[in-house]
Amino acid sequence: MPVVIKNGRWLLIAISGFVFCAFVLFFFKREQDNRDRTACQDNLRKIGQSIGMYVTDNDGFLPTSAAWDKRAI
């Protein structure tokens, strides 16, 4: 039995609700991406600072690959 829409207002409300939900989900995803990007930038900054501290403590030298433990790779 086909569904007959007697009042187009309900259809407009339903479509508006779906569009609103789509926009909300889009903005939440965008904020999550920004948060992840900021966390990644912070991690890269910390890695750079750690390497700089290591070089300072070891007379300007980084460890050679021969000094690395095979289990760490």
C-alpha atoms as a PDB file:
ATOM      1  CA  MET A   1       0.000   0.000   0.000  1.00  0.00           C
ATOM      2  CA  PRO A   2       1.626   3.272  -1.052  1.00  0.00           C
ATOM      3  CA  VAL A   3       2.242   5.929   1.556  1.00  0.00           C
ATOM      4  CA  VAL A   4       0.468   9.163   0.759  1.00  0.00           C
ATOM      5  CA  ILE A   5       1.914  12.340   2.260  1.00  0.00           C
ATOM      6  CA  LYS A   6      -1.042  14.528   3.063  1.00  0.00           C
ATOM      7  CA  ASN A   7       0.939  17.393   4.435  1.00  0.00           C
ATOM      8  CA  GLY A   8       4.256  18.380   2.836  1.00  0.00           C
ATOM      9  CA  ARG A   9       5.314  20.098   6.042  1.00  0.00           C
ATOM     10  CA  TRP A  10       6.310  16.790   7.686  1.00  0.00           C
ATOM     11  CA  LEU A  11       8.459  15.910   4.696  1.00  0.00           C
ATOM     12  CA  LEU A  12      10.167  19.292   4.916  1.00  0.00           C
ATOM     13  CA  ILE A  13      10.786  18.794   8.659  1.00  0.00           C
ATOM     14  CA  ALA A  14      12.234  15.309   8.082  1.00  0.00           C
ATOM     15  CA  ILE A  15      14.550  16.481   5.306  1.00  0.00           C
ATOM     16  CA  SER A  16      15.628  19.476   7.395  1.00  0.00           C
ATOM     17  CA  GLY A  17      16.421  17.142  10.292  1.00  0.00           C
ATOM     18  CA  PHE A  18      18.567  14.918   8.080  1.00  0.00           C
ATOM     19  CA  VAL A  19      20.426  17.908   6.646  1.00  0.00           C
ATOM     20  CA  PHE A  20      21.023  19.297  10.146  1.00  0.00           C
ATOM     21  CA  CYS A  21      22.383  15.931  11.334  1.00  0.00           C
ATOM     22  CA  ALA A  22      24.681  15.750   8.310  1.00  0.00           C
ATOM     23  CA  PHE A  23      26.111  19.204   9.063  1.00  0.00           C
ATOM     24  CA  VAL A  24      26.592  18.371  12.745  1.00  0.00           C
ATOM     25  CA  LEU A  25      28.412  15.134  11.904  1.00  0.00           C
ATOM     26  CA  PHE A  26      30.567  16.961   9.345  1.00  0.00           C
ATOM     27  CA  PHE A  27      31.660  19.573  11.886  1.00  0.00           C
ATOM     28  CA  PHE A  28      32.344  16.952  14.582  1.00  0.00           C
ATOM     29  CA  LYS A  29      34.533  15.034  12.120  1.00  0.00           C
ATOM     30  CA  ARG A  30      36.338  18.230  11.171  1.00  0.00           C
ATOM     31  CA  GLU A  31      37.031  19.065  14.821  1.00  0.00           C
ATOM     32  CA  GLN A  32      38.288  15.535  15.426  1.00  0.00           C
ATOM     33  CA  ASP A  33      40.672  15.868  12.465  1.00  0.00           C
ATOM     34  CA  ASN A  34      41.947  19.196  13.827  1.00  0.00           C
ATOM     35  CA  ARG A  35      42.474  17.636  17.266  1.00  0.00           C
ATOM     36  CA  ASP A  36      44.383  14.685  15.756  1.00  0.00           C
ATOM     37  CA  ARG A  37      46.527  17.034  13.651  1.00  0.00           C
ATOM     38  CA  THR A  38      47.382  19.134  16.712  1.00  0.00           C
ATOM     39  CA  ALA A  39      48.313  16.018  18.710  1.00  0.00           C
ATOM     40  CA  CYS A  40      50.557  14.832  15.858  1.00  0.00           C
ATOM     41  CA  GLN A  41      52.297  18.206  15.649  1.00  0.00           C
ATOM     42  CA  ASP A  42      52.886  18.135  19.404  1.00  0.00           C
ATOM     43  CA  ASN A  43      54.358  14.622  19.199  1.00  0.00           C
ATOM     44  CA  LEU A  44      56.701  15.662  16.377  1.00  0.00           C
ATOM     45  CA  ARG A  45      57.799  18.696  18.409  1.00  0.00           C
ATOM     46  CA  LYS A  46      58.579  16.455  21.383  1.00  0.00           C
ATOM     47  CA  ILE A  47      60.578  14.055  19.193  1.00  0.00           C
ATOM     48  CA  GLY A  48      62.601  16.969  17.829  1.00  0.00           C
ATOM     49  CA  GLN A  49      63.282  18.284  21.320  1.00  0.00           C
ATOM     50  CA  SER A  50      64.330  14.812  22.489  1.00  0.00           C
ATOM     51  CA  ILE A  51      66.769  14.427  19.601  1.00  0.00           C
ATOM     52  CA  GLY A  52      68.185  17.876  20.344  1.00  0.00           C
ATOM     53  CA  MET A  53      68.669  16.964  24.016  1.00  0.00           C
ATOM     54  CA  TYR A  54      70.348  13.681  23.054  1.00  0.00           C
ATOM     55  CA  VAL A  55      72.745  15.442  20.681  1.00  0.00           C
ATOM     56  CA  THR A  56      73.563  18.033  23.351  1.00  0.00           C
ATOM     57  CA  ASP A  57      74.340  15.318  25.904  1.00  0.00           C
ATOM     58  CA  ASN A  58      76.510  13.325  23.458  1.00  0.00           C
ATOM     59  CA  ASP A  59      78.831  16.013  22.092  1.00  0.00           C
ATOM     60  CA  GLY A  60      76.775  16.668  18.973  1.00  0.00           C
ATOM     61  CA  PHE A  61      76.566  13.050  17.790  1.00  0.00           C
ATOM     62  CA  LEU A  62      73.601  10.831  17.131  1.00  0.00           C
ATOM     63  CA  PRO A  63      73.893   7.093  17.839  1.00  0.00           C
ATOM     64  CA  THR A  64      75.088   4.972  14.926  1.00  0.00           C
ATOM     65  CA  SER A  65      72.968   2.128  13.665  1.00  0.00           C
ATOM     66  CA  ALA A  66      75.591  -0.357  14.939  1.00  0.00           C
ATOM     67  CA  ALA A  67      74.846   0.814  18.483  1.00  0.00           C
ATOM     68  CA  TRP A  68      71.166  -0.092  18.201  1.00  0.00           C
ATOM     69  CA  ASP A  69      69.975  -3.322  19.712  1.00  0.00           C
ATOM     70  CA  LYS A  70      68.607  -5.687  17.050  1.00  0.00           C
ATOM     71  CA  ARG A  71      65.549  -6.360  19.227  1.00  0.00           C
ATOM     72  CA  ALA A  72      64.633  -2.668  19.183  1.00  0.00           C
ATOM     73  CA  ILE A  73      64.279  -2.581  15.403  1.00  0.00           C
END
